[in-house]
Amino acid sequence: MVGIGAILAGGRSERFGSDKADARIGGRRLIDHVAIALGSQVSEIVVCGRNESGRRCLVDHPAPGLGPLGGLAAALQFADEMAADFVLSSGCDTPNLPTNLLGQLHGEGPAIVES
């Protein structure tokens, strides 16, 4: 099966006070925690709503600046173009994302969180 991991990262982080994706926990940026957790469960990672060096980035669909729904729509469009079977998405600010999220969504056991 081909799966796309979509990191939703287009927010302005106004309440947070700085860019959440770049905030660090345990020496690693939040967006990198998410990419690692999703990466073991999908064929390809995409970042939606922002430019992220070294990663495939998607502009919100159908227009920039639409927030999480625009990012998810962009990921779904990309998945369709790639003939992917599923999209597994997360916000960029979810550092403790289970590395078996896909299995959990299928009812296959408790969460496995690796740091």
N, C-alpha and C. Protein backbone atom coordinates (compact mmCIF):
# COMPACT_ATOMS: atom_id res chain seq x y z
N MET A 1 0.83 -1.18 0.00
CA MET A 1 0.00 0.00 0.00
C MET A 1 0.88 1.25 0.00
N VAL A 2 0.42 2.26 -0.71
CA VAL A 2 1.12 3.53 -0.77
C VAL A 2 0.38 4.52 0.11
N GLY A 3 1.10 5.11 1.05
CA GLY A 3 0.50 6.10 1.94
C GLY A 3 1.28 7.39 1.95
N ILE A 4 0.55 8.47 2.11
CA ILE A 4 1.15 9.80 2.19
C ILE A 4 1.01 10.29 3.63
N GLY A 5 2.09 10.74 4.20
CA GLY A 5 2.08 11.38 5.52
C GLY A 5 2.06 12.88 5.33
N ALA A 6 0.99 13.51 5.76
CA ALA A 6 0.83 14.95 5.57
C ALA A 6 1.00 15.68 6.89
N ILE A 7 1.99 16.55 6.94
CA ILE A 7 2.22 17.37 8.13
C ILE A 7 1.58 18.73 7.85
N LEU A 8 0.57 19.07 8.62
CA LEU A 8 -0.14 20.33 8.45
C LEU A 8 0.63 21.41 9.22
N ALA A 9 1.21 22.35 8.47
CA ALA A 9 2.13 23.30 9.09
C ALA A 9 1.94 24.72 8.57
N GLY A 10 0.73 25.08 8.20
CA GLY A 10 0.51 26.38 7.60
C GLY A 10 0.04 27.46 8.55
N GLY A 11 -0.06 27.16 9.82
CA GLY A 11 -0.58 28.15 10.76
C GLY A 11 0.40 29.27 11.05
N ARG A 12 -0.11 30.34 11.62
CA ARG A 12 0.73 31.50 11.94
C ARG A 12 1.27 31.46 13.37
N SER A 13 0.84 30.52 14.17
CA SER A 13 1.31 30.36 15.56
C SER A 13 1.16 31.64 16.38
N GLU A 14 0.10 32.39 16.15
CA GLU A 14 -0.09 33.67 16.85
C GLU A 14 -0.20 33.50 18.36
N ARG A 15 -0.99 32.56 18.82
CA ARG A 15 -1.14 32.37 20.28
C ARG A 15 0.13 31.81 20.89
N PHE A 16 0.87 31.00 20.13
CA PHE A 16 2.09 30.38 20.63
C PHE A 16 3.20 31.42 20.80
N GLY A 17 3.21 32.44 19.93
CA GLY A 17 4.19 33.51 20.03
C GLY A 17 5.42 33.36 19.16
N SER A 18 5.62 32.17 18.61
CA SER A 18 6.73 31.92 17.67
C SER A 18 6.32 30.72 16.81
N ASP A 19 7.13 30.41 15.83
CA ASP A 19 6.81 29.34 14.90
C ASP A 19 6.82 27.99 15.62
N LYS A 20 5.65 27.37 15.78
CA LYS A 20 5.55 26.10 16.50
C LYS A 20 6.38 25.00 15.85
N ALA A 21 6.39 24.96 14.55
CA ALA A 21 7.12 23.90 13.85
C ALA A 21 8.60 23.90 14.22
N ASP A 22 9.15 25.07 14.51
CA ASP A 22 10.57 25.19 14.84
C ASP A 22 10.86 25.09 16.34
N ALA A 23 9.83 25.05 17.17
CA ALA A 23 10.04 24.90 18.61
C ALA A 23 10.70 23.54 18.87
N ARG A 24 11.50 23.46 19.90
CA ARG A 24 12.26 22.24 20.15
C ARG A 24 11.84 21.56 21.45
N ILE A 25 11.80 20.24 21.37
CA ILE A 25 11.62 19.38 22.54
C ILE A 25 12.68 18.29 22.41
N GLY A 26 13.45 18.11 23.47
CA GLY A 26 14.49 17.09 23.44
C GLY A 26 15.51 17.32 22.34
N GLY A 27 15.78 18.59 22.01
CA GLY A 27 16.78 18.90 21.00
C GLY A 27 16.32 18.75 19.56
N ARG A 28 15.06 18.42 19.37
CA ARG A 28 14.53 18.19 18.01
C ARG A 28 13.34 19.11 17.78
N ARG A 29 13.23 19.66 16.56
CA ARG A 29 12.09 20.51 16.24
C ARG A 29 10.80 19.69 16.24
N LEU A 30 9.69 20.35 16.60
CA LEU A 30 8.40 19.67 16.64
C LEU A 30 8.07 19.04 15.30
N ILE A 31 8.28 19.76 14.20
CA ILE A 31 7.95 19.22 12.88
C ILE A 31 8.77 17.96 12.57
N ASP A 32 10.01 17.91 13.08
CA ASP A 32 10.85 16.73 12.85
C ASP A 32 10.37 15.53 13.65
N HIS A 33 9.87 15.77 14.88
CA HIS A 33 9.27 14.68 15.67
C HIS A 33 8.13 14.04 14.87
N VAL A 34 7.28 14.89 14.28
CA VAL A 34 6.13 14.40 13.52
C VAL A 34 6.59 13.65 12.28
N ALA A 35 7.57 14.20 11.57
CA ALA A 35 8.07 13.55 10.35
C ALA A 35 8.64 12.16 10.65
N ILE A 36 9.33 12.03 11.76
CA ILE A 36 9.90 10.74 12.13
C ILE A 36 8.79 9.74 12.45
N ALA A 37 7.81 10.16 13.24
CA ALA A 37 6.72 9.25 13.61
C ALA A 37 5.91 8.82 12.39
N LEU A 38 5.58 9.76 11.51
CA LEU A 38 4.81 9.42 10.31
C LEU A 38 5.65 8.64 9.31
N GLY A 39 6.92 8.96 9.24
CA GLY A 39 7.80 8.39 8.21
C GLY A 39 7.87 6.88 8.22
N SER A 40 7.73 6.27 9.38
CA SER A 40 7.80 4.81 9.46
C SER A 40 6.48 4.15 9.05
N GLN A 41 5.45 4.96 8.77
CA GLN A 41 4.12 4.42 8.50
C GLN A 41 3.62 4.70 7.08
N VAL A 42 4.38 5.52 6.34
CA VAL A 42 3.92 5.96 5.01
C VAL A 42 5.06 5.84 3.99
N SER A 43 4.69 5.99 2.73
CA SER A 43 5.67 5.93 1.65
C SER A 43 6.36 7.26 1.43
N GLU A 44 5.65 8.36 1.69
CA GLU A 44 6.21 9.69 1.46
C GLU A 44 5.61 10.70 2.43
N ILE A 45 6.45 11.63 2.87
CA ILE A 45 6.03 12.72 3.74
C ILE A 45 5.90 13.99 2.91
N VAL A 46 4.84 14.74 3.14
CA VAL A 46 4.68 16.07 2.55
C VAL A 46 4.38 17.06 3.67
N VAL A 47 4.84 18.28 3.48
CA VAL A 47 4.55 19.36 4.43
C VAL A 47 3.57 20.29 3.75
N CYS A 48 2.46 20.53 4.39
CA CYS A 48 1.39 21.34 3.80
C CYS A 48 1.36 22.73 4.41
N GLY A 49 1.36 23.75 3.55
CA GLY A 49 1.14 25.12 4.00
C GLY A 49 2.38 25.91 4.35
N ARG A 50 3.56 25.36 4.15
CA ARG A 50 4.79 26.11 4.42
C ARG A 50 5.94 25.53 3.62
N ASN A 51 6.98 26.31 3.45
CA ASN A 51 8.20 25.82 2.81
C ASN A 51 9.09 25.25 3.90
N GLU A 52 9.53 24.03 3.69
CA GLU A 52 10.37 23.33 4.65
C GLU A 52 11.53 22.73 3.87
N SER A 53 12.70 23.26 4.05
CA SER A 53 13.88 22.83 3.32
C SER A 53 14.09 21.32 3.43
N GLY A 54 14.35 20.69 2.29
CA GLY A 54 14.64 19.26 2.26
C GLY A 54 13.42 18.36 2.24
N ARG A 55 12.23 18.95 2.20
CA ARG A 55 11.00 18.15 2.18
C ARG A 55 10.11 18.59 1.02
N ARG A 56 9.28 17.67 0.54
CA ARG A 56 8.28 18.03 -0.47
C ARG A 56 7.21 18.86 0.22
N CYS A 57 6.95 20.04 -0.33
CA CYS A 57 6.00 20.97 0.28
C CYS A 57 4.84 21.23 -0.66
N LEU A 58 3.65 21.34 -0.09
CA LEU A 58 2.44 21.58 -0.87
C LEU A 58 1.80 22.88 -0.42
N VAL A 59 1.33 23.65 -1.39
CA VAL A 59 0.58 24.87 -1.11
C VAL A 59 -0.86 24.47 -0.82
N ASP A 60 -1.49 25.14 0.12
CA ASP A 60 -2.90 24.87 0.42
C ASP A 60 -3.73 24.84 -0.86
N HIS A 61 -4.73 24.00 -0.87
CA HIS A 61 -5.60 23.87 -2.05
C HIS A 61 -7.02 24.24 -1.65
N PRO A 62 -7.71 25.05 -2.39
CA PRO A 62 -7.41 25.53 -3.74
C PRO A 62 -6.62 26.83 -3.78
N ALA A 63 -6.27 27.41 -2.62
CA ALA A 63 -5.51 28.66 -2.61
C ALA A 63 -4.69 28.73 -1.33
N PRO A 64 -3.58 29.45 -1.34
CA PRO A 64 -2.74 29.58 -0.14
C PRO A 64 -3.48 30.24 1.02
N GLY A 65 -3.05 29.92 2.24
CA GLY A 65 -3.56 30.58 3.43
C GLY A 65 -4.88 30.07 3.96
N LEU A 66 -5.29 28.88 3.58
CA LEU A 66 -6.59 28.37 4.00
C LEU A 66 -6.54 27.58 5.30
N GLY A 67 -5.38 27.42 5.88
CA GLY A 67 -5.29 26.72 7.15
C GLY A 67 -5.33 25.21 6.98
N PRO A 68 -5.66 24.49 8.06
CA PRO A 68 -5.60 23.03 8.05
C PRO A 68 -6.43 22.37 6.96
N LEU A 69 -7.61 22.89 6.67
CA LEU A 69 -8.43 22.26 5.63
C LEU A 69 -7.80 22.43 4.26
N GLY A 70 -7.19 23.58 4.00
CA GLY A 70 -6.49 23.79 2.74
C GLY A 70 -5.29 22.87 2.61
N GLY A 71 -4.59 22.65 3.72
CA GLY A 71 -3.46 21.73 3.72
C GLY A 71 -3.90 20.29 3.49
N LEU A 72 -4.97 19.90 4.16
CA LEU A 72 -5.48 18.55 3.97
C LEU A 72 -5.99 18.35 2.55
N ALA A 73 -6.66 19.36 2.00
CA ALA A 73 -7.13 19.26 0.60
C ALA A 73 -5.94 19.11 -0.35
N ALA A 74 -4.85 19.83 -0.09
CA ALA A 74 -3.66 19.70 -0.93
C ALA A 74 -3.07 18.30 -0.82
N ALA A 75 -3.03 17.75 0.39
CA ALA A 75 -2.50 16.40 0.58
C ALA A 75 -3.37 15.36 -0.12
N LEU A 76 -4.68 15.53 -0.05
CA LEU A 76 -5.57 14.58 -0.73
C LEU A 76 -5.42 14.66 -2.24
N GLN A 77 -5.27 15.88 -2.76
CA GLN A 77 -5.05 16.03 -4.20
C GLN A 77 -3.74 15.36 -4.61
N PHE A 78 -2.68 15.58 -3.83
CA PHE A 78 -1.39 14.96 -4.11
C PHE A 78 -1.50 13.44 -4.05
N ALA A 79 -2.20 12.94 -3.04
CA ALA A 79 -2.38 11.49 -2.91
C ALA A 79 -3.10 10.91 -4.11
N ASP A 80 -4.09 11.63 -4.61
CA ASP A 80 -4.81 11.19 -5.80
C ASP A 80 -3.87 11.12 -7.00
N GLU A 81 -3.05 12.15 -7.17
CA GLU A 81 -2.09 12.19 -8.28
C GLU A 81 -1.08 11.05 -8.19
N MET A 82 -0.71 10.66 -6.98
CA MET A 82 0.27 9.60 -6.75
C MET A 82 -0.37 8.22 -6.66
N ALA A 83 -1.68 8.15 -6.82
CA ALA A 83 -2.43 6.90 -6.68
C ALA A 83 -2.18 6.25 -5.32
N ALA A 84 -2.11 7.09 -4.29
CA ALA A 84 -1.90 6.60 -2.92
C ALA A 84 -3.19 5.99 -2.39
N ASP A 85 -3.03 5.07 -1.46
CA ASP A 85 -4.17 4.39 -0.86
C ASP A 85 -4.74 5.14 0.34
N PHE A 86 -3.90 5.96 0.99
CA PHE A 86 -4.39 6.69 2.16
C PHE A 86 -3.50 7.89 2.44
N VAL A 87 -4.04 8.80 3.25
CA VAL A 87 -3.29 9.94 3.78
C VAL A 87 -3.40 9.87 5.29
N LEU A 88 -2.27 9.92 5.95
CA LEU A 88 -2.20 9.96 7.40
C LEU A 88 -1.68 11.35 7.75
N SER A 89 -2.49 12.13 8.45
CA SER A 89 -2.11 13.52 8.68
C SER A 89 -1.96 13.84 10.16
N SER A 90 -1.18 14.88 10.42
CA SER A 90 -0.99 15.38 11.77
C SER A 90 -0.59 16.84 11.69
N GLY A 91 -0.91 17.58 12.74
CA GLY A 91 -0.39 18.92 12.87
C GLY A 91 1.11 18.86 13.13
N CYS A 92 1.79 19.95 12.84
CA CYS A 92 3.25 19.99 13.03
C CYS A 92 3.64 20.07 14.51
N ASP A 93 2.65 20.24 15.37
CA ASP A 93 2.93 20.45 16.79
C ASP A 93 2.49 19.27 17.65
N THR A 94 2.72 18.07 17.14
CA THR A 94 2.32 16.85 17.84
C THR A 94 3.55 15.98 18.07
N PRO A 95 4.40 16.34 19.03
CA PRO A 95 5.67 15.64 19.18
C PRO A 95 5.56 14.19 19.66
N ASN A 96 4.47 13.83 20.31
CA ASN A 96 4.32 12.47 20.83
C ASN A 96 3.36 11.64 20.00
N LEU A 97 3.39 11.84 18.70
CA LEU A 97 2.54 11.09 17.79
C LEU A 97 2.93 9.61 17.82
N PRO A 98 1.97 8.72 17.99
CA PRO A 98 2.32 7.29 18.02
C PRO A 98 2.96 6.83 16.70
N THR A 99 3.98 6.02 16.82
CA THR A 99 4.65 5.48 15.64
C THR A 99 3.84 4.33 15.03
N ASN A 100 2.73 4.00 15.66
CA ASN A 100 1.82 2.99 15.11
C ASN A 100 0.41 3.57 14.96
N LEU A 101 0.33 4.87 14.64
CA LEU A 101 -0.96 5.54 14.51
C LEU A 101 -1.85 4.85 13.49
N LEU A 102 -1.28 4.49 12.36
CA LEU A 102 -2.07 3.81 11.33
C LEU A 102 -2.68 2.52 11.87
N GLY A 103 -1.90 1.74 12.57
CA GLY A 103 -2.42 0.52 13.17
C GLY A 103 -3.48 0.79 14.22
N GLN A 104 -3.28 1.82 15.01
CA GLN A 104 -4.28 2.19 16.01
C GLN A 104 -5.61 2.55 15.35
N LEU A 105 -5.54 3.29 14.26
CA LEU A 105 -6.76 3.68 13.56
C LEU A 105 -7.48 2.46 13.00
N HIS A 106 -6.73 1.39 12.80
CA HIS A 106 -7.31 0.13 12.35
C HIS A 106 -7.67 -0.78 13.53
N GLY A 107 -7.49 -0.28 14.76
CA GLY A 107 -7.84 -1.05 15.95
C GLY A 107 -6.82 -2.10 16.32
N GLU A 108 -5.55 -1.85 16.00
CA GLU A 108 -4.50 -2.83 16.23
C GLU A 108 -3.59 -2.45 17.39
N GLY A 109 -4.10 -2.49 18.60
CA GLY A 109 -3.25 -2.35 19.77
C GLY A 109 -3.12 -0.94 20.33
N PRO A 110 -2.39 -0.85 21.45
CA PRO A 110 -2.20 0.43 22.14
C PRO A 110 -1.18 1.31 21.42
N ALA A 111 -1.17 2.58 21.79
CA ALA A 111 -0.25 3.54 21.19
C ALA A 111 1.19 3.20 21.55
N ILE A 112 2.08 3.34 20.57
CA ILE A 112 3.50 3.20 20.79
C ILE A 112 4.11 4.57 20.51
N VAL A 113 4.65 5.18 21.57
CA VAL A 113 5.25 6.49 21.43
C VAL A 113 6.73 6.34 21.71
N GLU A 114 7.56 6.71 20.73
CA GLU A 114 9.01 6.66 20.88
C GLU A 114 9.53 8.07 20.90
N SER A 115 10.56 8.30 21.72
CA SER A 115 11.13 9.65 21.76
C SER A 115 12.45 9.71 21.06
